[in-house]
């Protein structure tokens, strides 16, 4: 494993060693290397103080010097270096109130969250230090808190979501003792900033299988704390979905959305939030959820505003959620497709189809490709390149034309007439001629006036 250390990091290690200090590679880099994955970044721990590190290297940024952390800029790389430390109390459930330095790497590793993150690679010898059996837990696919789980989650409430995130990223199970500790401390997440919670949710949504994380959240009470509208979907029946309730359907749909498309993954997770509130149980046992897409959009917007998602993401997700209830069939006339394009907007069509595919995937127990959506893509592409009018901008007339040539004043009547003209040309593009539309507009205005 030591042979995989890049040369620039070995050079940094030699500088520490020549000065009489020990230095270890720690954190996610070691975890990834043990699993056979390429590290994404490199964090070091050393018995040198921040002041010592600043003396050893020419370019050092005091990024977190209060907690013993500096960043070395070396040969085009940024490497975070933290002095071995023991954390004090965590009064804010996020960061220690104080830290004290220690010469012991073992003591430093005790303060970390999970055993798989408490591995250290001695950069001088290549030896792996594993005081908490993290390597064994990695091999077993287990997420286990170091020491007392209640204490670990009471020090830093964000660790609760980190456990969920690691599960979805790595496909690991949470150790029963750790899971029990999460159940006892789940309320600590409410003391974590919304920005940090959002960041973890985004990482979960970009993982291979987000449903693993959200199921742990549901088991421990975290889902009720963070996304209660989704938690409310538990045991709400999902029509025609192989026995899945709305929560499980939503989680499966989320898994079925593209991992590299955050708005579609979010929309898949949130698209049925309104179903519990719109649920109607009929005498024959059927359940219906009329109008749930509008309620779902409102609840999705509330969620994204609370956790301060970017405005563009919020608007995109809400548009997708609101329009997700279309059921395309090959016998749809072109006029129906033109209306779909007009309602949704051309910039949202690709994502809406991806959402519909994810919704379809979430409706059954096995991977299934929607039978008609490739056909829909082809027909939409044809219409987009056909020159057919698809909205107000494509009309052969506009408000100015109607005012100057048909004598229609600006105001509510103008808006009503333009909407009617749009519907006319969506239904029959051949009507999109100036003289025809002016005639229709005059007649409509007279009927409105009369």
Protein backbone atom coordinates (compact mmCIF):
# COMPACT_ATOMS: atom_id res chain seq x y z
CA UNK A 1 0.00 0.00 0.00
CA UNK A 2 2.90 2.35 0.77
CA UNK A 3 4.07 2.05 -2.84
CA UNK A 4 0.89 3.85 -3.88
CA UNK A 5 1.85 7.03 -2.03
CA UNK A 6 2.56 9.76 -4.63
CA UNK A 7 6.12 11.11 -4.78
CA UNK A 8 5.19 14.63 -3.62
CA UNK A 9 3.71 13.18 -0.42
CA UNK A 10 6.82 11.05 0.21
CA UNK A 11 8.90 14.21 -0.17
CA UNK A 12 6.72 16.03 2.41
CA UNK A 13 7.14 13.05 4.75
CA UNK A 14 10.92 13.13 4.38
CA UNK A 15 10.96 16.82 5.36
CA UNK A 16 9.07 16.00 8.56
CA UNK A 17 11.30 12.99 9.29
CA UNK A 18 14.56 14.93 8.72
CA UNK A 19 13.32 17.52 11.22
CA UNK A 20 12.65 14.82 13.82
CA UNK A 21 8.85 14.66 13.54
CA UNK A 22 6.52 11.75 12.82
CA UNK A 23 3.84 12.10 10.17
CA UNK A 24 0.92 9.87 9.19
CA UNK A 25 -1.52 9.75 6.32
CA UNK A 26 -4.99 9.65 7.92
CA UNK A 27 -8.71 9.80 7.15
CA UNK A 28 -10.46 8.98 3.91
CA UNK A 29 -7.26 8.53 1.91
CA UNK A 30 -6.17 5.56 4.02
CA UNK A 31 -9.69 4.14 4.02
CA UNK A 32 -9.82 4.31 0.22
CA UNK A 33 -6.38 2.76 -0.15
CA UNK A 34 -7.29 -0.17 2.11
CA UNK A 35 -10.40 -0.71 -0.05
CA UNK A 36 -8.32 -0.56 -3.23
CA UNK A 37 -9.72 2.80 -4.33
CA UNK A 38 -7.78 5.86 -5.41
CA UNK A 39 -7.65 8.58 -2.72
CA UNK A 40 -9.44 11.82 -3.57
CA UNK A 41 -7.29 13.96 -1.29
CA UNK A 42 -4.60 13.57 1.34
CA UNK A 43 -4.74 14.60 5.02
CA UNK A 44 -1.78 14.29 7.32
CA UNK A 45 -1.41 14.12 11.11
CA UNK A 46 1.85 14.93 12.87
CA UNK A 47 3.37 15.59 16.28
CA UNK A 48 4.74 18.88 14.91
CA UNK A 49 2.83 21.96 16.07
CA UNK A 50 1.34 24.34 13.51
CA UNK A 51 4.19 26.76 14.22
CA UNK A 52 6.70 23.97 13.54
CA UNK A 53 5.01 23.18 10.22
CA UNK A 54 5.09 26.83 9.19
CA UNK A 55 8.87 26.84 9.79
CA UNK A 56 9.39 23.66 7.77
CA UNK A 57 7.58 24.71 4.58
CA UNK A 58 7.71 27.86 2.48
CA UNK A 59 4.01 28.13 1.69
CA UNK A 60 1.58 27.37 4.50
CA UNK A 61 -1.99 28.64 4.97
CA UNK A 62 -3.29 28.76 8.59
CA UNK A 63 -6.69 27.34 7.59
CA UNK A 64 -7.71 26.11 11.06
CA UNK A 65 -4.79 26.95 13.25
CA UNK A 66 -7.02 27.29 16.35
CA UNK A 67 -7.67 23.56 16.10
CA UNK A 68 -4.13 22.68 15.01
CA UNK A 69 -4.70 22.59 11.25
CA UNK A 70 -2.70 24.25 8.47
CA UNK A 71 -2.57 23.64 4.73
CA UNK A 72 0.75 23.05 2.98
CA UNK A 73 1.07 24.19 -0.64
CA UNK A 74 3.73 21.94 -2.12
CA UNK A 75 4.63 21.13 -5.73
CA UNK A 76 1.19 22.19 -6.96
CA UNK A 77 -0.73 20.27 -4.28
CA UNK A 78 -2.69 21.34 -1.20
CA UNK A 79 -2.26 19.05 1.81
CA UNK A 80 -4.06 19.58 5.11
CA UNK A 81 -1.88 18.88 8.16
CA UNK A 82 -3.24 18.62 11.71
CA UNK A 83 -1.27 18.26 14.91
CA UNK A 84 -2.08 15.19 17.03
CA UNK A 85 -4.76 16.45 19.39
CA UNK A 86 -7.30 15.61 22.05
CA UNK A 87 -10.64 17.36 21.73
CA UNK A 88 -12.32 19.14 24.60
CA UNK A 89 -16.07 19.36 25.17
CA UNK A 90 -18.50 19.89 22.26
CA UNK A 91 -21.01 22.42 23.61
CA UNK A 92 -22.34 23.25 20.12
CA UNK A 93 -22.53 19.60 18.96
CA UNK A 94 -20.27 20.38 16.02
CA UNK A 95 -16.77 21.56 16.96
CA UNK A 96 -14.75 21.11 20.16
CA UNK A 97 -14.66 24.13 22.43
CA UNK A 98 -10.92 23.61 22.80
CA UNK A 99 -8.17 21.22 21.75
CA UNK A 100 -4.95 20.17 23.39
CA UNK A 101 -1.98 18.78 21.50
CA UNK A 102 -0.64 15.32 22.27
CA UNK A 103 2.46 13.42 21.12
CA UNK A 104 0.34 10.28 20.64
CA UNK A 105 -1.17 9.33 17.29
CA UNK A 106 -3.25 6.71 19.15
CA UNK A 107 -4.88 9.41 21.27
CA UNK A 108 -5.53 11.44 18.15
CA UNK A 109 -7.27 8.52 16.45
CA UNK A 110 -9.56 8.01 19.47
CA UNK A 111 -11.33 11.31 18.77
CA UNK A 112 -12.45 10.30 15.26
CA UNK A 113 -15.97 9.20 14.32
CA UNK A 114 -15.89 5.68 12.87
CA UNK A 115 -13.38 2.86 13.00
CA UNK A 116 -12.86 2.90 9.25
CA UNK A 117 -11.77 6.55 9.55
CA UNK A 118 -9.33 5.85 12.41
CA UNK A 119 -6.64 4.24 10.26
CA UNK A 120 -3.21 5.85 9.94
CA UNK A 121 -0.36 5.06 7.55
CA UNK A 122 3.13 5.81 8.86
CA UNK A 123 4.75 7.63 5.95
CA UNK A 124 8.23 6.90 7.30
CA UNK A 125 7.84 3.10 7.50
CA UNK A 126 4.74 2.29 5.48
CA UNK A 127 3.18 0.56 8.51
CA UNK A 128 -0.61 0.68 8.94
CA UNK A 129 -1.79 1.72 12.41
CA UNK A 130 -5.25 0.29 13.19
CA UNK A 131 -6.06 0.54 16.93
CA UNK A 132 -9.85 0.19 16.47
CA UNK A 133 -10.00 -2.68 13.96
CA UNK A 134 -11.13 -0.38 11.18
CA UNK A 135 -9.59 -2.58 8.50
CA UNK A 136 -11.67 -5.55 9.66
CA UNK A 137 -14.84 -3.41 9.64
CA UNK A 138 -14.01 -2.30 6.10
CA UNK A 139 -13.63 -5.91 5.03
CA UNK A 140 -16.97 -6.78 6.66
CA UNK A 141 -18.72 -3.71 5.23
CA UNK A 142 -19.63 -2.28 8.63
CA UNK A 143 -19.87 1.32 9.87
CA UNK A 144 -19.05 1.31 13.57
CA UNK A 145 -18.60 4.27 15.91
CA UNK A 146 -15.43 4.44 17.95
CA UNK A 147 -16.09 3.72 21.62
CA UNK A 148 -19.50 4.77 22.94
CA UNK A 149 -21.77 5.68 19.98
CA UNK A 150 -23.95 8.00 22.09
CA UNK A 151 -20.85 9.97 23.08
CA UNK A 152 -19.62 10.17 19.47
CA UNK A 153 -22.98 11.46 18.17
CA UNK A 154 -23.31 13.83 21.11
CA UNK A 155 -19.95 15.41 20.26
CA UNK A 156 -20.84 16.16 16.66
CA UNK A 157 -24.42 15.87 15.43
CA UNK A 158 -23.34 15.81 11.80
CA UNK A 159 -21.82 12.38 12.38
CA UNK A 160 -25.37 11.02 12.32
CA UNK A 161 -25.74 11.98 8.66
CA UNK A 162 -22.16 10.96 7.87
CA UNK A 163 -23.02 7.42 8.95
CA UNK A 164 -25.98 7.45 6.56
CA UNK A 165 -23.89 8.91 3.77
CA UNK A 166 -21.10 6.34 4.12
CA UNK A 167 -23.72 3.61 3.91
CA UNK A 168 -25.03 4.88 0.57
CA UNK A 169 -21.57 5.62 -0.81
CA UNK A 170 -19.94 2.33 0.20
CA UNK A 171 -22.94 0.00 0.42
CA UNK A 172 -22.12 -0.72 4.09
CA UNK A 173 -24.39 -1.63 7.00
CA UNK A 174 -24.40 0.29 10.28
CA UNK A 175 -23.33 -1.80 13.28
CA UNK A 176 -26.32 -2.54 15.56
CA UNK A 177 -24.75 -0.74 18.54
CA UNK A 178 -24.04 2.30 16.40
CA UNK A 179 -27.57 2.22 14.98
CA UNK A 180 -28.97 2.13 18.51
CA UNK A 181 -26.80 5.11 19.43
CA UNK A 182 -28.21 7.00 16.45
CA UNK A 183 -31.76 6.29 17.61
CA UNK A 184 -30.96 7.74 21.03
CA UNK A 185 -29.30 10.88 19.68
CA UNK A 186 -31.05 11.63 16.36
CA UNK A 187 -32.37 14.95 17.69
CA UNK A 188 -28.81 16.31 17.76
CA UNK A 189 -29.07 16.84 14.01
CA UNK A 190 -31.41 19.77 14.68
CA UNK A 191 -28.48 21.70 16.17
CA UNK A 192 -26.39 21.38 13.00
CA UNK A 193 -26.47 24.21 10.47
CA UNK A 194 -28.81 23.75 7.52
CA UNK A 195 -25.90 24.30 5.12
CA UNK A 196 -23.96 21.34 6.55
CA UNK A 197 -27.07 19.16 6.44
CA UNK A 198 -27.70 20.16 2.82
CA UNK A 199 -24.10 19.31 1.92
CA UNK A 200 -24.49 15.80 3.33
CA UNK A 201 -27.82 15.33 1.55
CA UNK A 202 -26.21 16.36 -1.75
CA UNK A 203 -23.44 13.82 -1.21
CA UNK A 204 -26.01 11.14 -0.41
CA UNK A 205 -27.93 11.97 -3.57
CA UNK A 206 -24.77 11.61 -5.67
CA UNK A 207 -23.97 8.20 -4.18
CA UNK A 208 -24.65 4.90 -5.98
CA UNK A 209 -27.69 4.04 -3.83
CA UNK A 210 -29.23 6.92 -1.83
CA UNK A 211 -32.04 4.69 -0.54
CA UNK A 212 -29.59 3.01 1.87
CA UNK A 213 -28.99 6.33 3.61
CA UNK A 214 -32.62 7.37 3.73
CA UNK A 215 -33.71 4.01 5.13
CA UNK A 216 -31.22 4.41 7.98
CA UNK A 217 -32.58 7.92 8.50
CA UNK A 218 -36.08 6.44 8.68
CA UNK A 219 -35.02 3.72 11.15
CA UNK A 220 -33.31 6.13 13.51
CA UNK A 221 -35.71 9.10 13.50
CA UNK A 222 -33.46 11.34 11.42
CA UNK A 223 -35.91 11.39 8.52
CA UNK A 224 -38.64 12.77 10.77
CA UNK A 225 -36.19 15.48 11.91
CA UNK A 226 -34.96 16.48 8.46
CA UNK A 227 -37.71 15.62 5.99
CA UNK A 228 -40.92 14.90 7.95
CA UNK A 229 -43.09 15.10 4.83
CA UNK A 230 -41.25 12.12 3.37
CA UNK A 231 -41.37 10.24 6.68
CA UNK A 232 -45.17 10.71 6.61
CA UNK A 233 -45.27 8.64 3.40
CA UNK A 234 -44.44 5.47 5.33
CA UNK A 235 -47.36 2.99 5.12
CA UNK A 236 -49.26 5.19 2.65
CA UNK A 237 -50.24 2.76 -0.12
CA UNK A 238 -48.73 3.17 -3.57
CA UNK A 239 -51.16 2.18 -6.33
CA UNK A 240 -49.77 -0.49 -8.63
CA UNK A 241 -46.27 -0.54 -7.15
CA UNK A 242 -45.66 -4.18 -6.19
CA UNK A 243 -46.65 -3.60 -2.57
CA UNK A 244 -44.36 -0.62 -2.00
CA UNK A 245 -45.64 2.24 0.14
CA UNK A 246 -45.06 5.81 -1.01
CA UNK A 247 -41.84 6.13 0.98
CA UNK A 248 -40.29 3.01 -0.52
CA UNK A 249 -41.52 3.99 -3.97
CA UNK A 250 -39.86 7.41 -3.60
CA UNK A 251 -36.57 5.90 -2.40
CA UNK A 252 -36.52 3.40 -5.25
CA UNK A 253 -37.32 6.15 -7.74
CA UNK A 254 -34.44 8.17 -6.31
CA UNK A 255 -32.09 5.22 -6.86
CA UNK A 256 -33.37 4.99 -10.42
CA UNK A 257 -32.53 8.62 -11.26
CA UNK A 258 -29.09 9.51 -12.69
CA UNK A 259 -26.50 9.90 -9.92
CA UNK A 260 -24.87 12.84 -11.72
CA UNK A 261 -28.10 14.85 -12.01
CA UNK A 262 -28.93 16.44 -8.64
CA UNK A 263 -32.23 18.10 -9.69
CA UNK A 264 -33.64 14.85 -11.08
CA UNK A 265 -32.52 12.86 -8.04
CA UNK A 266 -34.10 15.45 -5.75
CA UNK A 267 -37.28 15.51 -7.79
CA UNK A 268 -37.49 11.71 -7.70
CA UNK A 269 -37.12 11.77 -3.92
CA UNK A 270 -39.69 14.55 -3.42
CA UNK A 271 -42.18 14.03 -6.25
CA UNK A 272 -44.84 12.33 -4.11
CA UNK A 273 -44.53 14.33 -0.87
CA UNK A 274 -48.11 15.53 -1.33
CA UNK A 275 -49.66 12.06 -1.44
CA UNK A 276 -50.21 11.59 2.31
CA UNK A 277 -52.13 14.88 2.50
CA UNK A 278 -54.16 14.20 -0.66
CA UNK A 279 -54.95 10.58 0.10
CA UNK A 280 -58.57 9.45 -0.31
CA UNK A 281 -59.54 5.88 0.54
CA UNK A 282 -62.62 4.72 -1.39
CA UNK A 283 -65.19 2.18 -0.14
CA UNK A 284 -63.67 -0.50 -2.37
CA UNK A 285 -60.24 0.06 -0.80
CA UNK A 286 -58.75 2.03 -3.68
CA UNK A 287 -56.58 4.99 -2.79
CA UNK A 288 -56.39 8.12 -4.93
CA UNK A 289 -54.24 11.24 -4.60
CA UNK A 290 -55.80 13.80 -6.91
CA UNK A 291 -53.84 17.03 -7.14
CA UNK A 292 -50.88 15.66 -5.20
CA UNK A 293 -48.37 17.04 -7.72
CA UNK A 294 -49.25 20.63 -6.76
CA UNK A 295 -49.00 19.89 -3.03
CA UNK A 296 -45.77 17.98 -3.65
CA UNK A 297 -44.32 21.02 -5.41
CA UNK A 298 -45.18 23.26 -2.44
CA UNK A 299 -43.66 20.85 0.08
CA UNK A 300 -40.57 20.32 -2.08
CA UNK A 301 -40.08 24.09 -2.30
CA UNK A 302 -40.41 24.45 1.47
CA UNK A 303 -37.79 21.76 1.99
CA UNK A 304 -35.31 23.29 -0.43
CA UNK A 305 -35.79 26.77 0.97
CA UNK A 306 -35.23 25.52 4.52
CA UNK A 307 -31.95 23.87 3.56
CA UNK A 308 -30.92 26.72 1.26
CA UNK A 309 -30.48 24.85 -1.98
CA UNK A 310 -29.42 27.13 -4.84
CA UNK A 311 -32.36 28.98 -6.36
CA UNK A 312 -31.79 27.47 -9.80
CA UNK A 313 -31.91 23.96 -8.33
CA UNK A 314 -35.06 24.82 -6.39
CA UNK A 315 -36.86 26.14 -9.45
CA UNK A 316 -35.85 23.21 -11.61
CA UNK A 317 -36.91 20.59 -9.04
CA UNK A 318 -40.25 22.30 -8.45
CA UNK A 319 -40.98 22.47 -12.17
CA UNK A 320 -40.20 18.77 -12.54
CA UNK A 321 -42.29 17.76 -9.53
CA UNK A 322 -45.26 19.82 -10.69
CA UNK A 323 -45.27 18.28 -14.18
CA UNK A 324 -44.30 14.68 -13.35
CA UNK A 325 -47.87 13.34 -13.72
CA UNK A 326 -47.97 12.79 -17.45
CA UNK A 327 -48.60 9.35 -18.91
CA UNK A 328 -47.36 9.36 -22.47
CA UNK A 329 -48.85 6.86 -24.90
CA UNK A 330 -47.72 6.33 -28.53
CA UNK A 331 -51.16 7.28 -29.82
CA UNK A 332 -50.87 10.84 -28.49
CA UNK A 333 -51.46 13.31 -31.34
CA UNK A 334 -48.78 15.87 -32.10
CA UNK A 335 -51.03 18.55 -30.64
CA UNK A 336 -50.83 16.87 -27.23
CA UNK A 337 -47.04 16.80 -27.45
CA UNK A 338 -46.91 20.47 -28.46
CA UNK A 339 -49.00 21.30 -25.39
CA UNK A 340 -46.65 19.25 -23.18
CA UNK A 341 -43.64 21.11 -24.58
CA UNK A 342 -45.39 24.45 -24.04
CA UNK A 343 -46.44 23.66 -20.45
CA UNK A 344 -43.12 22.25 -19.32
CA UNK A 345 -40.61 24.36 -21.25
CA UNK A 346 -38.02 23.01 -23.66
CA UNK A 347 -35.16 23.38 -21.15
CA UNK A 348 -36.86 20.97 -18.73
CA UNK A 349 -37.98 18.23 -21.12
CA UNK A 350 -34.92 15.98 -20.90
CA UNK A 351 -34.96 16.03 -17.10
CA UNK A 352 -38.71 15.49 -16.98
CA UNK A 353 -38.36 12.33 -19.07
CA UNK A 354 -35.53 11.16 -16.80
CA UNK A 355 -37.82 11.75 -13.82
CA UNK A 356 -40.62 9.82 -15.50
CA UNK A 357 -38.20 6.92 -16.08
CA UNK A 358 -37.16 7.01 -12.42
CA UNK A 359 -40.81 7.13 -11.33
CA UNK A 360 -41.52 4.11 -13.52
CA UNK A 361 -38.50 2.27 -12.06
CA UNK A 362 -39.74 3.08 -8.55
CA UNK A 363 -43.06 1.42 -9.32
CA UNK A 364 -41.81 -2.18 -9.40
CA UNK A 365 -39.48 -4.60 -7.78
CA UNK A 366 -37.11 -5.12 -10.72
CA UNK A 367 -35.25 -2.95 -13.17
CA UNK A 368 -37.65 -2.07 -15.97
CA UNK A 369 -37.24 0.26 -18.91
CA UNK A 370 -40.26 2.40 -19.70
CA UNK A 371 -41.65 1.06 -22.98
CA UNK A 372 -42.59 4.38 -24.59
CA UNK A 373 -40.19 7.11 -23.44
CA UNK A 374 -37.58 6.58 -26.15
CA UNK A 375 -40.39 7.09 -28.66
CA UNK A 376 -41.38 10.25 -26.80
CA UNK A 377 -37.83 11.58 -27.05
CA UNK A 378 -37.78 11.02 -30.80
CA UNK A 379 -41.13 12.71 -31.35
CA UNK A 380 -40.21 15.71 -29.20
CA UNK A 381 -36.91 16.09 -31.06
CA UNK A 382 -38.80 16.06 -34.35
CA UNK A 383 -41.28 18.71 -33.18
CA UNK A 384 -38.52 20.93 -31.81
CA UNK A 385 -36.87 20.94 -35.23
CA UNK A 386 -40.05 21.05 -37.28
CA UNK A 387 -40.67 24.79 -37.06
CA UNK A 388 -44.13 24.23 -35.56
CA UNK A 389 -45.23 26.98 -33.16
CA UNK A 390 -44.68 25.85 -29.56
CA UNK A 391 -45.53 28.99 -27.57
CA UNK A 392 -46.31 32.73 -27.60
CA UNK A 393 -42.94 33.67 -29.13
CA UNK A 394 -43.73 31.57 -32.18
CA UNK A 395 -47.03 33.31 -32.96
CA UNK A 396 -47.31 35.21 -36.25
CA UNK A 397 -48.72 38.12 -34.19
CA UNK A 398 -47.93 39.71 -30.85
CA UNK A 399 -49.51 42.19 -28.49
CA UNK A 400 -48.27 45.16 -30.49
CA UNK A 401 -49.74 43.72 -33.70
CA UNK A 402 -53.09 43.06 -32.05
CA UNK A 403 -53.20 46.57 -30.66
CA UNK A 404 -52.17 48.34 -33.88
CA UNK A 405 -54.04 46.24 -36.44
CA UNK A 406 -56.98 44.79 -34.54
CA UNK A 407 -57.62 47.68 -32.15
CA UNK A 408 -57.35 45.50 -29.05
CA UNK A 409 -56.22 47.49 -26.00
CA UNK A 410 -53.60 46.23 -23.58
CA UNK A 411 -55.01 44.57 -20.49
CA UNK A 412 -56.81 41.42 -19.41
CA UNK A 413 -58.59 40.95 -22.74
CA UNK A 414 -55.27 41.07 -24.58
CA UNK A 415 -53.87 38.35 -22.35
CA UNK A 416 -56.94 36.17 -22.79
CA UNK A 417 -56.82 36.53 -26.58
CA UNK A 418 -53.09 35.74 -26.82
CA UNK A 419 -53.63 32.60 -24.70
CA UNK A 420 -56.45 31.54 -27.01
CA UNK A 421 -54.24 32.10 -30.07
CA UNK A 422 -51.49 29.97 -28.54
CA UNK A 423 -53.98 27.13 -27.98
CA UNK A 424 -55.18 27.53 -31.57
CA UNK A 425 -51.75 27.10 -33.14
CA UNK A 426 -50.73 24.31 -30.76
CA UNK A 427 -53.78 22.43 -31.96
CA UNK A 428 -53.26 23.30 -35.63
CA UNK A 429 -49.95 24.90 -36.69
CA UNK A 430 -51.46 25.75 -40.10
CA UNK A 431 -53.48 28.49 -38.38
CA UNK A 432 -50.28 30.38 -37.51
CA UNK A 433 -50.70 33.04 -40.20
CA UNK A 434 -51.03 36.73 -39.47
CA UNK A 435 -54.31 37.29 -41.30
CA UNK A 436 -55.93 34.21 -39.79
CA UNK A 437 -54.86 35.08 -36.25
CA UNK A 438 -55.95 38.71 -36.58
CA UNK A 439 -59.39 37.56 -37.71
CA UNK A 440 -59.69 35.15 -34.79
CA UNK A 441 -58.50 37.85 -32.41
CA UNK A 442 -61.05 40.43 -33.65
CA UNK A 443 -63.93 37.98 -33.36
CA UNK A 444 -62.84 36.91 -29.89
CA UNK A 445 -62.50 40.53 -28.75
CA UNK A 446 -65.99 41.33 -30.01
CA UNK A 447 -67.42 38.35 -28.14
CA UNK A 448 -65.65 39.47 -24.98
CA UNK A 449 -66.97 43.03 -25.38
CA UNK A 450 -70.49 41.90 -26.21
